[in-house]
Protein backbone atom coordinates (compact mmCIF):
# COMPACT_ATOMS: atom_id res chain seq x y z
CA MET A 1 27.18 -0.42 10.66
CA SER A 2 26.81 -3.80 11.99
CA GLU A 3 24.18 -6.44 10.86
CA GLU A 4 22.40 -6.17 14.23
CA GLU A 5 21.79 -2.42 13.30
CA LEU A 6 20.88 -3.12 9.79
CA LYS A 7 18.15 -5.43 11.00
CA THR A 8 16.83 -2.70 13.27
CA LEU A 9 17.11 -0.35 10.76
CA ALA A 10 15.12 -2.67 8.36
CA LEU A 11 12.46 -3.49 11.00
CA GLU A 12 11.79 0.17 11.98
CA GLU A 13 11.56 1.32 8.27
CA ARG A 14 8.96 -1.64 7.21
CA THR A 15 7.09 -0.49 10.21
CA PHE A 16 7.22 2.89 9.09
CA LEU A 17 6.12 2.01 5.72
CA HIS A 18 3.16 -0.12 7.31
CA ASP A 19 2.23 2.79 9.21
CA MET A 20 2.22 5.31 6.49
CA SER A 21 0.60 2.81 4.00
CA ASN A 22 -2.27 2.54 6.46
CA HIS A 23 -3.07 6.21 6.58
CA ILE A 24 -2.53 6.55 2.48
CA VAL A 25 -5.19 3.81 2.42
CA VAL A 26 -7.47 5.72 4.24
CA ALA A 27 -6.74 9.15 2.58
CA HIS A 28 -7.54 7.34 -0.79
CA GLY A 29 -10.63 6.02 0.40
CA MET A 30 -12.13 9.28 1.59
CA ALA A 31 -10.81 11.05 -1.42
CA THR A 32 -11.97 8.57 -4.13
CA PHE A 33 -15.60 8.94 -2.10
CA ALA A 34 -15.62 12.24 -2.24
CA LEU A 35 -14.59 12.77 -5.85
CA LYS A 36 -18.05 10.64 -6.56
CA VAL A 37 -20.22 12.64 -4.55
CA ILE A 38 -18.29 15.89 -6.26
CA LYS A 39 -18.85 15.08 -9.82
CA THR A 40 -22.50 14.56 -8.91
CA ASN A 41 -22.96 18.07 -7.74
CA PRO A 42 -23.82 20.25 -10.56
CA ASN A 43 -22.69 23.44 -8.78
CA VAL A 44 -19.07 22.26 -8.26
CA ASP A 45 -16.54 24.05 -10.49
CA VAL A 46 -14.54 21.71 -13.00
CA LYS A 47 -11.38 22.80 -11.62
CA GLU A 48 -12.45 21.76 -7.96
CA VAL A 49 -12.94 18.13 -9.54
CA GLU A 50 -9.54 18.37 -11.30
CA ARG A 51 -7.80 19.12 -8.18
CA LEU A 52 -9.29 16.37 -6.26
CA GLU A 53 -8.20 13.90 -8.92
CA LYS A 54 -5.36 15.11 -9.01
CA SER A 55 -4.40 14.24 -5.36
CA ILE A 56 -5.77 11.15 -5.96
CA SER A 57 -3.70 10.83 -8.84
CA ALA A 58 -0.89 12.16 -6.07
CA ILE A 59 -2.29 9.36 -3.64
CA ASN A 60 -1.73 6.74 -6.09
CA LYS A 61 1.79 7.36 -6.92
CA MET A 62 2.97 7.54 -2.95
CA THR A 63 1.51 3.90 -2.83
CA GLU A 64 3.38 2.52 -6.14
CA LEU A 65 6.53 4.22 -4.28
CA ILE A 66 5.98 2.65 -0.74
CA GLN A 67 5.51 -0.46 -2.43
CA GLU A 68 8.78 -0.72 -4.51
CA ARG A 69 10.61 0.31 -1.31
CA ARG A 70 8.79 -2.93 0.53
CA LEU A 71 9.88 -4.96 -2.60
CA LEU A 72 13.23 -3.28 -2.12
CA LEU A 73 13.78 -4.17 1.87
CA HIS A 74 12.13 -7.61 1.35
CA GLU A 75 14.65 -8.33 -1.41
CA ARG A 76 17.54 -7.15 1.21
CA SER A 77 16.34 -8.76 4.57
């Protein structure tokens, strides 16, 4: 692979990571807001709260993975 192709690939991946990050930030914000509302509802099953907390935890892990990948790309370019 040529240097120019590698630069193009790196730029495409950085764009992809940026776009994914934007969607993840929205998902995290909405899930966090929903969790606050659900926790105040006494009629909600505890398991539902746990499921939403697990989804927020998964979103946090995705954010960490993207940050690590961005750092790697910046180091290599």
